[in-house]
Amino acid sequence: MYIGVDCGTQSTKVVVVDVERGRILGEASRAHRLDEGADGRREQAPAEWLAAFKGAFLEAIERAGVDARAVRAIGVSGQQHGMVALDADGVPVYPAKLWCDTETSAENAALVERLGGEAGCLDKLGLVLQTGYTASKIAWLRAHHPDAYRRIATLLLPHDYLNFWLTGERVTEAGDASGTGYFDTRARAWQPEVFGLIAPELDPARVLPRLLEPREPAGTVRARVARELGLGDGVVVACGGGDNMLGAIGTGNITAGLVTLSLGTSGTVCAYSPTPVVCDSAMVANFCASHGGWLPLICTMNVTSATTRVR
């Protein structure tokens, strides 16, 4: 048995998959609470993701009618870009500032200017910084909550944080890292020069997670977490990735010629490329694909969040 997890903006979903029979045996979800402000603030407590994961996992296992000890591996996808800043004990120093947070728009505009505008961003990153990316959230925390900023020992993304909770390893992969704003999407490597502009007091070698290859596991489930979930020993945790990257893989978008449209809290259109893509429009983001290659995409911030509110 295998477990698939998606930690999105609105909820965490869990599925139990029998690969041999090609069937989903059970599934469940738990909603997240979103802290909103009129100034564009959109934040969540990472503890809510863990509670939602555990609740959805146990319910999905029960619905599947299987023993959790039969689970061999877990794969996690997550909402992209969210800043999860941890202290030396692995505790968040501030609530996760999400991709849909626009409170940091002034910080993003300042960073774009310091990088030399759109041309400078493309030269250093292969894409143009957007307010939703992680970079402006770190700059915002530095400016508005210096005490919390000074306690940062690790900077993760939401799916990285779930992997960290499961395994104790501080790791990420190129697809999700592409949306941080301090990752060179062409070289598939951290961009320390840009990170130094965002957070000059932080050492990127110390605070940024290790980059995994697409087929490299994040680790195995820690004994304490395995006991909490009823798992056996040695359960592998895949590297996982951002929701758009893994959603593209799920639709078979792993070769050139296919286009995927995703309508979630946000909306994206993406297509695979074997080489980096630099377009005339800054709206096209040259993200990396989680299985290798690249996944250039266009994103709009509000889709089902708007339709849900109207409904």
C-alpha atoms as a PDB file:
ATOM      1  CA  MET A   1       0.000   0.000   0.000  1.00  0.00           C
ATOM      2  CA  TYR A   2       1.101   3.538  -0.728  1.00  0.00           C
ATOM      3  CA  ILE A   3      -0.081   6.868   0.692  1.00  0.00           C
ATOM      4  CA  GLY A   4      -0.548  10.005  -1.393  1.00  0.00           C
ATOM      5  CA  VAL A   5      -0.886  13.341   0.406  1.00  0.00           C
ATOM      6  CA  ASP A   6      -1.770  16.794  -0.915  1.00  0.00           C
ATOM      7  CA  CYS A   7      -1.472  19.675   1.549  1.00  0.00           C
ATOM      8  CA  GLY A   8      -3.320  22.473  -0.241  1.00  0.00           C
ATOM      9  CA  THR A   9      -4.457  25.923   0.783  1.00  0.00           C
ATOM     10  CA  GLN A  10      -7.923  24.852   1.817  1.00  0.00           C
ATOM     11  CA  SER A  11      -7.375  21.279   3.040  1.00  0.00           C
ATOM     12  CA  THR A  12      -5.102  18.257   3.277  1.00  0.00           C
ATOM     13  CA  LYS A  13      -6.172  15.212   1.271  1.00  0.00           C
ATOM     14  CA  VAL A  14      -4.940  11.639   1.761  1.00  0.00           C
ATOM     15  CA  VAL A  15      -5.417   8.611  -0.512  1.00  0.00           C
ATOM     16  CA  VAL A  16      -4.537   4.950   0.084  1.00  0.00           C
ATOM     17  CA  VAL A  17      -3.409   3.299  -3.156  1.00  0.00           C
ATOM     18  CA  ASP A  18      -3.085  -0.385  -3.986  1.00  0.00           C
ATOM     19  CA  VAL A  19      -0.556  -0.250  -6.831  1.00  0.00           C
ATOM     20  CA  GLU A  20      -0.796  -3.945  -7.695  1.00  0.00           C
ATOM     21  CA  ARG A  21      -4.530  -3.678  -8.362  1.00  0.00           C
ATOM     22  CA  GLY A  22      -4.390  -0.082  -9.616  1.00  0.00           C
ATOM     23  CA  ARG A  23      -7.058   1.110  -7.176  1.00  0.00           C
ATOM     24  CA  ILE A  24      -7.630   3.857  -4.635  1.00  0.00           C
ATOM     25  CA  LEU A  25      -8.853   1.968  -1.569  1.00  0.00           C
ATOM     26  CA  GLY A  26      -9.669   4.902   0.690  1.00  0.00           C
ATOM     27  CA  GLU A  27      -9.491   8.678   0.878  1.00  0.00           C
ATOM     28  CA  ALA A  28     -10.223  11.465   3.335  1.00  0.00           C
ATOM     29  CA  SER A  29      -9.581  15.173   3.842  1.00  0.00           C
ATOM     30  CA  ARG A  30      -9.439  17.754   6.604  1.00  0.00           C
ATOM     31  CA  ALA A  31      -9.935  21.505   6.138  1.00  0.00           C
ATOM     32  CA  HIS A  32      -7.446  24.211   7.135  1.00  0.00           C
ATOM     33  CA  ARG A  33      -8.269  27.537   8.721  1.00  0.00           C
ATOM     34  CA  LEU A  34      -6.967  30.537   6.774  1.00  0.00           C
ATOM     35  CA  ASP A  35      -6.022  33.692   8.681  1.00  0.00           C
ATOM     36  CA  GLU A  36      -6.896  36.650   6.438  1.00  0.00           C
ATOM     37  CA  GLY A  37      -6.448  40.414   6.646  1.00  0.00           C
ATOM     38  CA  ALA A  38      -7.738  43.299   4.568  1.00  0.00           C
ATOM     39  CA  ASP A  39      -4.112  44.229   3.839  1.00  0.00           C
ATOM     40  CA  GLY A  40      -3.656  41.005   1.856  1.00  0.00           C
ATOM     41  CA  ARG A  41      -2.433  38.884   4.758  1.00  0.00           C
ATOM     42  CA  ARG A  42      -2.940  35.136   4.194  1.00  0.00           C
ATOM     43  CA  GLU A  43      -1.345  32.933   6.826  1.00  0.00           C
ATOM     44  CA  GLN A  44      -1.710  29.455   8.322  1.00  0.00           C
ATOM     45  CA  ALA A  45      -0.251  27.686  11.333  1.00  0.00           C
ATOM     46  CA  PRO A  46       1.867  24.712  10.168  1.00  0.00           C
ATOM     47  CA  ALA A  47       0.463  22.796  13.150  1.00  0.00           C
ATOM     48  CA  GLU A  48      -2.892  22.821  11.327  1.00  0.00           C
ATOM     49  CA  TRP A  49      -1.318  20.941   8.415  1.00  0.00           C
ATOM     50  CA  LEU A  50      -0.009  18.263  10.768  1.00  0.00           C
ATOM     51  CA  ALA A  51      -3.358  17.884  12.513  1.00  0.00           C
ATOM     52  CA  ALA A  52      -5.131  17.694   9.145  1.00  0.00           C
ATOM     53  CA  PHE A  53      -2.614  15.155   7.847  1.00  0.00           C
ATOM     54  CA  LYS A  54      -3.011  12.884  10.864  1.00  0.00           C
ATOM     55  CA  GLY A  55      -6.804  13.099  10.871  1.00  0.00           C
ATOM     56  CA  ALA A  56      -7.126  12.475   7.132  1.00  0.00           C
ATOM     57  CA  PHE A  57      -4.541   9.673   7.201  1.00  0.00           C
ATOM     58  CA  LEU A  58      -6.258   7.715   9.971  1.00  0.00           C
ATOM     59  CA  GLU A  59      -9.677   8.129   8.346  1.00  0.00           C
ATOM     60  CA  ALA A  60      -8.388   7.096   4.916  1.00  0.00           C
ATOM     61  CA  ILE A  61      -6.755   3.972   6.390  1.00  0.00           C
ATOM     62  CA  GLU A  62     -10.005   3.114   8.185  1.00  0.00           C
ATOM     63  CA  ARG A  63     -12.055   3.599   5.003  1.00  0.00           C
ATOM     64  CA  ALA A  64      -9.602   1.460   3.068  1.00  0.00           C
ATOM     65  CA  GLY A  65      -9.971  -1.332   5.601  1.00  0.00           C
ATOM     66  CA  VAL A  66      -6.239  -2.027   5.664  1.00  0.00           C
ATOM     67  CA  ASP A  67      -3.554  -2.255   8.334  1.00  0.00           C
ATOM     68  CA  ALA A  68      -1.334   0.855   8.363  1.00  0.00           C
ATOM     69  CA  ARG A  69       1.645  -1.493   8.811  1.00  0.00           C
ATOM     70  CA  ALA A  70       1.136  -2.565   5.176  1.00  0.00           C
ATOM     71  CA  VAL A  71       2.093   0.940   3.950  1.00  0.00           C
ATOM     72  CA  ARG A  72       5.431   0.915   2.131  1.00  0.00           C
ATOM     73  CA  ALA A  73       5.868   4.575   1.138  1.00  0.00           C
ATOM     74  CA  ILE A  74       4.363   8.079   1.364  1.00  0.00           C
ATOM     75  CA  GLY A  75       4.485  10.859  -1.221  1.00  0.00           C
ATOM     76  CA  VAL A  76       3.602  14.480  -0.390  1.00  0.00           C
ATOM     77  CA  SER A  77       2.622  17.363  -2.654  1.00  0.00           C
ATOM     78  CA  GLY A  78       1.942  20.793  -1.225  1.00  0.00           C
ATOM     79  CA  GLN A  79       0.848  24.340  -1.910  1.00  0.00           C
ATOM     80  CA  GLN A  80       3.834  26.197  -3.267  1.00  0.00           C
ATOM     81  CA  HIS A  81       5.850  29.222  -2.151  1.00  0.00           C
ATOM     82  CA  GLY A  82       4.664  29.382   1.489  1.00  0.00           C
ATOM     83  CA  MET A  83       7.375  30.519   3.927  1.00  0.00           C
ATOM     84  CA  VAL A  84       7.896  28.034   6.767  1.00  0.00           C
ATOM     85  CA  ALA A  85      10.626  29.542   8.949  1.00  0.00           C
ATOM     86  CA  LEU A  86      11.852  27.290  11.771  1.00  0.00           C
ATOM     87  CA  ASP A  87      14.101  27.867  14.774  1.00  0.00           C
ATOM     88  CA  ALA A  88      16.932  25.580  15.878  1.00  0.00           C
ATOM     89  CA  ASP A  89      14.416  23.205  17.499  1.00  0.00           C
ATOM     90  CA  GLY A  90      12.321  22.919  14.343  1.00  0.00           C
ATOM     91  CA  VAL A  91       9.520  25.126  15.713  1.00  0.00           C
ATOM     92  CA  PRO A  92       7.972  27.819  13.446  1.00  0.00           C
ATOM     93  CA  VAL A  93       9.120  31.321  14.405  1.00  0.00           C
ATOM     94  CA  TYR A  94       6.048  32.818  12.699  1.00  0.00           C
ATOM     95  CA  PRO A  95       2.887  31.469  11.000  1.00  0.00           C
ATOM     96  CA  ALA A  96       3.415  30.256   7.429  1.00  0.00           C
ATOM     97  CA  LYS A  97       2.953  33.137   5.031  1.00  0.00           C
ATOM     98  CA  LEU A  98       1.171  31.611   2.013  1.00  0.00           C
ATOM     99  CA  TRP A  99       1.559  31.951  -1.750  1.00  0.00           C
ATOM    100  CA  CYS A 100      -1.706  33.928  -1.893  1.00  0.00           C
ATOM    101  CA  ASP A 101      -0.473  36.499   0.660  1.00  0.00           C
ATOM    102  CA  THR A 102      -0.117  39.926  -0.984  1.00  0.00           C
ATOM    103  CA  GLU A 103       0.887  41.850   2.142  1.00  0.00           C
ATOM    104  CA  THR A 104       4.471  41.599   0.879  1.00  0.00           C
ATOM    105  CA  SER A 105       3.901  43.354  -2.451  1.00  0.00           C
ATOM    106  CA  ALA A 106       6.064  46.361  -1.467  1.00  0.00           C
ATOM    107  CA  GLU A 107       8.955  44.067  -0.522  1.00  0.00           C
ATOM    108  CA  ASN A 108       8.617  42.214  -3.819  1.00  0.00           C
ATOM    109  CA  ALA A 109       8.677  45.437  -5.854  1.00  0.00           C
ATOM    110  CA  ALA A 110      11.798  46.552  -3.972  1.00  0.00           C
ATOM    111  CA  LEU A 111      13.541  43.224  -4.608  1.00  0.00           C
ATOM    112  CA  VAL A 112      12.743  43.338  -8.336  1.00  0.00           C
ATOM    113  CA  GLU A 113      14.219  46.836  -8.516  1.00  0.00           C
ATOM    114  CA  ARG A 114      17.380  45.788  -6.628  1.00  0.00           C
ATOM    115  CA  LEU A 115      17.844  42.852  -9.008  1.00  0.00           C
ATOM    116  CA  GLY A 116      17.751  45.180 -12.015  1.00  0.00           C
ATOM    117  CA  GLY A 117      14.078  44.927 -12.976  1.00  0.00           C
ATOM    118  CA  GLU A 118      12.599  42.155 -15.106  1.00  0.00           C
ATOM    119  CA  ALA A 119      15.793  41.811 -17.160  1.00  0.00           C
ATOM    120  CA  GLY A 120      17.908  41.397 -14.026  1.00  0.00           C
ATOM    121  CA  CYS A 121      15.532  38.804 -12.572  1.00  0.00           C
ATOM    122  CA  LEU A 122      15.590  36.803 -15.802  1.00  0.00           C
ATOM    123  CA  ASP A 123      19.378  36.956 -15.896  1.00  0.00           C
ATOM    124  CA  LYS A 124      19.859  35.756 -12.317  1.00  0.00           C
ATOM    125  CA  LEU A 125      16.841  33.446 -11.821  1.00  0.00           C
ATOM    126  CA  GLY A 126      15.393  32.572 -15.224  1.00  0.00           C
ATOM    127  CA  LEU A 127      12.070  34.110 -14.165  1.00  0.00           C
ATOM    128  CA  VAL A 128      10.688  37.371 -12.763  1.00  0.00           C
ATOM    129  CA  LEU A 129       9.963  37.650  -9.048  1.00  0.00           C
ATOM    130  CA  GLN A 130       6.261  37.697  -8.153  1.00  0.00           C
ATOM    131  CA  THR A 131       4.631  38.736  -4.860  1.00  0.00           C
ATOM    132  CA  GLY A 132       3.460  35.166  -4.268  1.00  0.00           C
ATOM    133  CA  TYR A 133       7.011  33.771  -4.204  1.00  0.00           C
ATOM    134  CA  THR A 134       8.828  33.043  -0.951  1.00  0.00           C
ATOM    135  CA  ALA A 135      11.495  35.742  -1.345  1.00  0.00           C
ATOM    136  CA  SER A 136       9.301  38.735  -0.488  1.00  0.00           C
ATOM    137  CA  LYS A 137       7.890  36.916   2.553  1.00  0.00           C
ATOM    138  CA  ILE A 138      11.360  36.531   4.048  1.00  0.00           C
ATOM    139  CA  ALA A 139      12.124  40.193   3.326  1.00  0.00           C
ATOM    140  CA  TRP A 140       8.801  41.146   4.954  1.00  0.00           C
ATOM    141  CA  LEU A 141       9.559  39.108   8.085  1.00  0.00           C
ATOM    142  CA  ARG A 142      12.995  40.739   8.311  1.00  0.00           C
ATOM    143  CA  ALA A 143      11.455  44.220   8.135  1.00  0.00           C
ATOM    144  CA  HIS A 144       8.382  43.714  10.326  1.00  0.00           C
ATOM    145  CA  HIS A 145       9.307  40.955  12.804  1.00  0.00           C
ATOM    146  CA  PRO A 146      13.089  41.187  13.307  1.00  0.00           C
ATOM    147  CA  ASP A 147      13.021  39.119  16.515  1.00  0.00           C
ATOM    148  CA  ALA A 148      11.401  36.184  14.691  1.00  0.00           C
ATOM    149  CA  TYR A 149      13.720  36.678  11.703  1.00  0.00           C
ATOM    150  CA  ARG A 150      16.838  36.483  13.892  1.00  0.00           C
ATOM    151  CA  ARG A 151      15.700  33.069  15.212  1.00  0.00           C
ATOM    152  CA  ILE A 152      15.536  31.460  11.750  1.00  0.00           C
ATOM    153  CA  ALA A 153      17.603  28.284  11.498  1.00  0.00           C
ATOM    154  CA  THR A 154      15.791  26.666   8.561  1.00  0.00           C
ATOM    155  CA  LEU A 155      13.643  27.909   5.664  1.00  0.00           C
ATOM    156  CA  LEU A 156      11.258  25.358   4.156  1.00  0.00           C
ATOM    157  CA  LEU A 157       8.226  25.222   1.869  1.00  0.00           C
ATOM    158  CA  PRO A 158       4.953  23.576   2.985  1.00  0.00           C
ATOM    159  CA  HIS A 159       5.630  20.177   1.387  1.00  0.00           C
ATOM    160  CA  ASP A 160       9.199  20.326   2.728  1.00  0.00           C
ATOM    161  CA  TYR A 161       7.798  20.903   6.211  1.00  0.00           C
ATOM    162  CA  LEU A 162       5.591  17.794   6.061  1.00  0.00           C
ATOM    163  CA  ASN A 163       8.596  15.796   4.844  1.00  0.00           C
ATOM    164  CA  PHE A 164      10.639  17.286   7.708  1.00  0.00           C
ATOM    165  CA  TRP A 165       7.984  16.244  10.237  1.00  0.00           C
ATOM    166  CA  LEU A 166       7.854  12.749   8.770  1.00  0.00           C
ATOM    167  CA  THR A 167      11.610  12.158   8.386  1.00  0.00           C
ATOM    168  CA  GLY A 168      13.552  14.810  10.308  1.00  0.00           C
ATOM    169  CA  GLU A 169      15.379  15.686   7.070  1.00  0.00           C
ATOM    170  CA  ARG A 170      15.650  19.278   5.730  1.00  0.00           C
ATOM    171  CA  VAL A 171      15.302  18.645   1.996  1.00  0.00           C
ATOM    172  CA  THR A 172      13.492  19.966  -1.068  1.00  0.00           C
ATOM    173  CA  GLU A 173      13.468  19.418  -4.850  1.00  0.00           C
ATOM    174  CA  ALA A 174      13.927  21.635  -7.899  1.00  0.00           C
ATOM    175  CA  GLY A 175      10.250  21.922  -8.884  1.00  0.00           C
ATOM    176  CA  ASP A 176       9.036  23.419  -5.617  1.00  0.00           C
ATOM    177  CA  ALA A 177      12.287  25.352  -5.074  1.00  0.00           C
ATOM    178  CA  SER A 178      11.700  27.119  -8.419  1.00  0.00           C
ATOM    179  CA  GLY A 179       9.065  29.335  -6.819  1.00  0.00           C
ATOM    180  CA  THR A 180      11.153  30.591  -3.910  1.00  0.00           C
ATOM    181  CA  GLY A 181      12.680  33.516  -5.806  1.00  0.00           C
ATOM    182  CA  TYR A 182      16.249  32.606  -4.773  1.00  0.00           C
ATOM    183  CA  PHE A 183      16.691  29.540  -7.002  1.00  0.00           C
ATOM    184  CA  ASP A 184      18.299  29.547 -10.459  1.00  0.00           C
ATOM    185  CA  THR A 185      15.688  27.683 -12.486  1.00  0.00           C
ATOM    186  CA  ARG A 186      18.070  27.097 -15.403  1.00  0.00           C
ATOM    187  CA  ALA A 187      20.979  25.691 -13.355  1.00  0.00           C
ATOM    188  CA  ARG A 188      18.611  23.909 -10.917  1.00  0.00           C
ATOM    189  CA  ALA A 189      20.583  25.319  -7.962  1.00  0.00           C
ATOM    190  CA  TRP A 190      20.194  27.844  -5.148  1.00  0.00           C
ATOM    191  CA  GLN A 191      21.188  31.412  -6.076  1.00  0.00           C
ATOM    192  CA  PRO A 192      23.245  32.620  -3.072  1.00  0.00           C
ATOM    193  CA  GLU A 193      23.798  36.110  -4.530  1.00  0.00           C
ATOM    194  CA  VAL A 194      20.044  36.759  -4.702  1.00  0.00           C
ATOM    195  CA  PHE A 195      19.454  35.154  -1.300  1.00  0.00           C
ATOM    196  CA  GLY A 196      22.068  37.516   0.127  1.00  0.00           C
ATOM    197  CA  LEU A 197      20.028  40.502  -1.079  1.00  0.00           C
ATOM    198  CA  ILE A 198      16.902  39.123   0.575  1.00  0.00           C
ATOM    199  CA  ALA A 199      18.372  37.928   3.879  1.00  0.00           C
ATOM    200  CA  PRO A 200      21.954  39.223   4.280  1.00  0.00           C
ATOM    201  CA  GLU A 201      22.247  37.977   7.884  1.00  0.00           C
ATOM    202  CA  LEU A 202      21.362  34.365   7.023  1.00  0.00           C
ATOM    203  CA  ASP A 203      23.828  31.824   5.671  1.00  0.00           C
ATOM    204  CA  PRO A 204      22.191  29.986   2.737  1.00  0.00           C
ATOM    205  CA  ALA A 205      24.408  26.943   3.291  1.00  0.00           C
ATOM    206  CA  ARG A 206      22.971  26.674   6.803  1.00  0.00           C
ATOM    207  CA  VAL A 207      19.306  27.660   6.441  1.00  0.00           C
ATOM    208  CA  LEU A 208      18.334  26.340   2.989  1.00  0.00           C
ATOM    209  CA  PRO A 209      17.366  22.672   2.597  1.00  0.00           C
ATOM    210  CA  ARG A 210      19.417  20.163   0.638  1.00  0.00           C
ATOM    211  CA  LEU A 211      18.262  19.718  -2.962  1.00  0.00           C
ATOM    212  CA  LEU A 212      17.198  16.198  -3.923  1.00  0.00           C
ATOM    213  CA  GLU A 213      17.314  14.544  -7.305  1.00  0.00           C
ATOM    214  CA  PRO A 214      13.829  13.672  -8.668  1.00  0.00           C
ATOM    215  CA  ARG A 215      14.036   9.960  -7.773  1.00  0.00           C
ATOM    216  CA  GLU A 216      15.904  10.447  -4.501  1.00  0.00           C
ATOM    217  CA  PRO A 217      13.780   9.799  -1.374  1.00  0.00           C
ATOM    218  CA  ALA A 218      13.486  12.401   1.368  1.00  0.00           C
ATOM    219  CA  GLY A 219      14.152   9.691   3.948  1.00  0.00           C
ATOM    220  CA  THR A 220      12.206   7.215   6.071  1.00  0.00           C
ATOM    221  CA  VAL A 221       9.467   7.911   8.612  1.00  0.00           C
ATOM    222  CA  ARG A 222      10.859   8.598  12.079  1.00  0.00           C
ATOM    223  CA  ALA A 223      10.067   6.008  14.764  1.00  0.00           C
ATOM    224  CA  ARG A 224       8.011   8.437  16.853  1.00  0.00           C
ATOM    225  CA  VAL A 225       5.836   9.481  13.903  1.00  0.00           C
ATOM    226  CA  ALA A 226       5.514   5.863  12.727  1.00  0.00           C
ATOM    227  CA  ARG A 227       4.130   4.879  16.130  1.00  0.00           C
ATOM    228  CA  GLU A 228       1.722   7.818  16.071  1.00  0.00           C
ATOM    229  CA  LEU A 229       0.360   6.767  12.675  1.00  0.00           C
ATOM    230  CA  GLY A 230       0.496   3.015  13.280  1.00  0.00           C
ATOM    231  CA  LEU A 231       3.085   2.483  10.526  1.00  0.00           C
ATOM    232  CA  GLY A 232       5.724  -0.211  10.379  1.00  0.00           C
ATOM    233  CA  ASP A 233       9.463   0.361  10.262  1.00  0.00           C
ATOM    234  CA  GLY A 234      11.321   1.719   7.247  1.00  0.00           C
ATOM    235  CA  VAL A 235       8.444   3.479   5.454  1.00  0.00           C
ATOM    236  CA  VAL A 236      10.026   5.496   2.640  1.00  0.00           C
ATOM    237  CA  VAL A 237       9.044   9.142   2.067  1.00  0.00           C
ATOM    238  CA  ALA A 238       9.400  10.262  -1.561  1.00  0.00           C
ATOM    239  CA  CYS A 239      10.887  13.672  -2.345  1.00  0.00           C
ATOM    240  CA  GLY A 240       7.418  14.875  -3.408  1.00  0.00           C
ATOM    241  CA  GLY A 241       7.022  18.370  -4.809  1.00  0.00           C
ATOM    242  CA  GLY A 242       4.798  21.375  -5.390  1.00  0.00           C
ATOM    243  CA  ASP A 243       1.157  20.710  -6.196  1.00  0.00           C
ATOM    244  CA  ASN A 244       1.328  22.070  -9.737  1.00  0.00           C
ATOM    245  CA  MET A 245       4.432  20.027 -10.596  1.00  0.00           C
ATOM    246  CA  LEU A 246       3.017  16.774  -9.253  1.00  0.00           C
ATOM    247  CA  GLY A 247      -0.406  17.544 -10.702  1.00  0.00           C
ATOM    248  CA  ALA A 248       1.237  17.844 -14.115  1.00  0.00           C
ATOM    249  CA  ILE A 249       2.879  14.442 -13.652  1.00  0.00           C
ATOM    250  CA  GLY A 250      -0.513  13.044 -12.659  1.00  0.00           C
ATOM    251  CA  THR A 251      -2.017  14.205 -15.948  1.00  0.00           C
ATOM    252  CA  GLY A 252       0.859  12.649 -17.898  1.00  0.00           C
ATOM    253  CA  ASN A 253       2.474  15.999 -18.709  1.00  0.00           C
ATOM    254  CA  ILE A 254       6.026  14.632 -18.821  1.00  0.00           C
ATOM    255  CA  THR A 255       6.789  15.072 -22.534  1.00  0.00           C
ATOM    256  CA  ALA A 256       6.536  18.045 -24.871  1.00  0.00           C
ATOM    257  CA  GLY A 257       3.211  18.680 -26.607  1.00  0.00           C
ATOM    258  CA  LEU A 258       0.720  18.274 -23.773  1.00  0.00           C
ATOM    259  CA  VAL A 259      -0.879  21.243 -21.952  1.00  0.00           C
ATOM    260  CA  THR A 260      -2.390  20.933 -18.468  1.00  0.00           C
ATOM    261  CA  LEU A 261      -4.995  23.328 -17.063  1.00  0.00           C
ATOM    262  CA  SER A 262      -5.420  23.192 -13.268  1.00  0.00           C
ATOM    263  CA  LEU A 263      -8.340  24.883 -11.521  1.00  0.00           C
ATOM    264  CA  GLY A 264      -7.739  24.963  -7.774  1.00  0.00           C
ATOM    265  CA  THR A 265      -7.476  27.784  -5.258  1.00  0.00           C
ATOM    266  CA  SER A 266      -5.216  29.179  -7.971  1.00  0.00           C
ATOM    267  CA  GLY A 267      -5.328  28.417 -11.682  1.00  0.00           C
ATOM    268  CA  THR A 268      -2.381  27.325 -13.808  1.00  0.00           C
ATOM    269  CA  VAL A 269      -1.617  26.407 -17.401  1.00  0.00           C
ATOM    270  CA  CYS A 270       1.615  24.466 -17.882  1.00  0.00           C
ATOM    271  CA  ALA A 271       3.511  22.436 -20.475  1.00  0.00           C
ATOM    272  CA  TYR A 272       6.670  20.339 -20.320  1.00  0.00           C
ATOM    273  CA  SER A 273       9.959  21.399 -21.936  1.00  0.00           C
ATOM    274  CA  PRO A 274      13.239  19.446 -22.033  1.00  0.00           C
ATOM    275  CA  THR A 275      15.181  22.731 -21.862  1.00  0.00           C
ATOM    276  CA  PRO A 276      14.779  26.010 -19.912  1.00  0.00           C
ATOM    277  CA  VAL A 277      12.300  28.458 -21.440  1.00  0.00           C
ATOM    278  CA  VAL A 278      12.706  32.243 -21.468  1.00  0.00           C
ATOM    279  CA  CYS A 279       9.635  33.980 -22.890  1.00  0.00           C
ATOM    280  CA  ASP A 280       8.910  37.543 -23.913  1.00  0.00           C
ATOM    281  CA  SER A 281       6.250  37.755 -21.200  1.00  0.00           C
ATOM    282  CA  ALA A 282       7.259  37.969 -17.535  1.00  0.00           C
ATOM    283  CA  MET A 283       4.007  36.163 -16.728  1.00  0.00           C
ATOM    284  CA  VAL A 284       5.522  32.857 -17.903  1.00  0.00           C
ATOM    285  CA  ALA A 285       7.459  31.237 -15.049  1.00  0.00           C
ATOM    286  CA  ASN A 286      10.314  28.951 -16.081  1.00  0.00           C
ATOM    287  CA  PHE A 287       9.794  26.450 -13.262  1.00  0.00           C
ATOM    288  CA  CYS A 288      11.547  23.083 -13.123  1.00  0.00           C
ATOM    289  CA  ALA A 289       9.556  19.886 -13.522  1.00  0.00           C
ATOM    290  CA  SER A 290       9.712  17.552 -10.525  1.00  0.00           C
ATOM    291  CA  HIS A 291      10.690  14.543 -12.658  1.00  0.00           C
ATOM    292  CA  GLY A 292      13.446  16.419 -14.552  1.00  0.00           C
ATOM    293  CA  GLY A 293      13.304  18.998 -17.308  1.00  0.00           C
ATOM    294  CA  TRP A 294      11.209  22.149 -17.029  1.00  0.00           C
ATOM    295  CA  LEU A 295       7.542  23.066 -16.578  1.00  0.00           C
ATOM    296  CA  PRO A 296       6.938  26.646 -17.824  1.00  0.00           C
ATOM    297  CA  LEU A 297       3.586  27.874 -16.552  1.00  0.00           C
ATOM    298  CA  ILE A 298       1.235  30.808 -16.226  1.00  0.00           C
ATOM    299  CA  CYS A 299      -0.669  31.267 -12.963  1.00  0.00           C
ATOM    300  CA  THR A 300      -3.613  33.339 -11.749  1.00  0.00           C
ATOM    301  CA  MET A 301      -4.140  33.739  -8.030  1.00  0.00           C
ATOM    302  CA  ASN A 302      -7.895  33.276  -7.519  1.00  0.00           C
ATOM    303  CA  VAL A 303     -10.082  30.550  -9.013  1.00  0.00           C
ATOM    304  CA  THR A 304     -12.002  28.226  -6.685  1.00  0.00           C
ATOM    305  CA  SER A 305     -11.385  30.504  -3.714  1.00  0.00           C
ATOM    306  CA  ALA A 306     -13.513  33.057  -5.572  1.00  0.00           C
ATOM    307  CA  THR A 307     -16.194  30.598  -6.728  1.00  0.00           C
ATOM    308  CA  THR A 308     -16.431  29.129  -3.218  1.00  0.00           C
ATOM    309  CA  ARG A 309     -16.931  32.583  -1.727  1.00  0.00           C
ATOM    310  CA  VAL A 310     -19.648  33.441  -4.242  1.00  0.00           C
ATOM    311  CA  ARG A 311     -21.355  30.090  -3.629  1.00  0.00           C
END
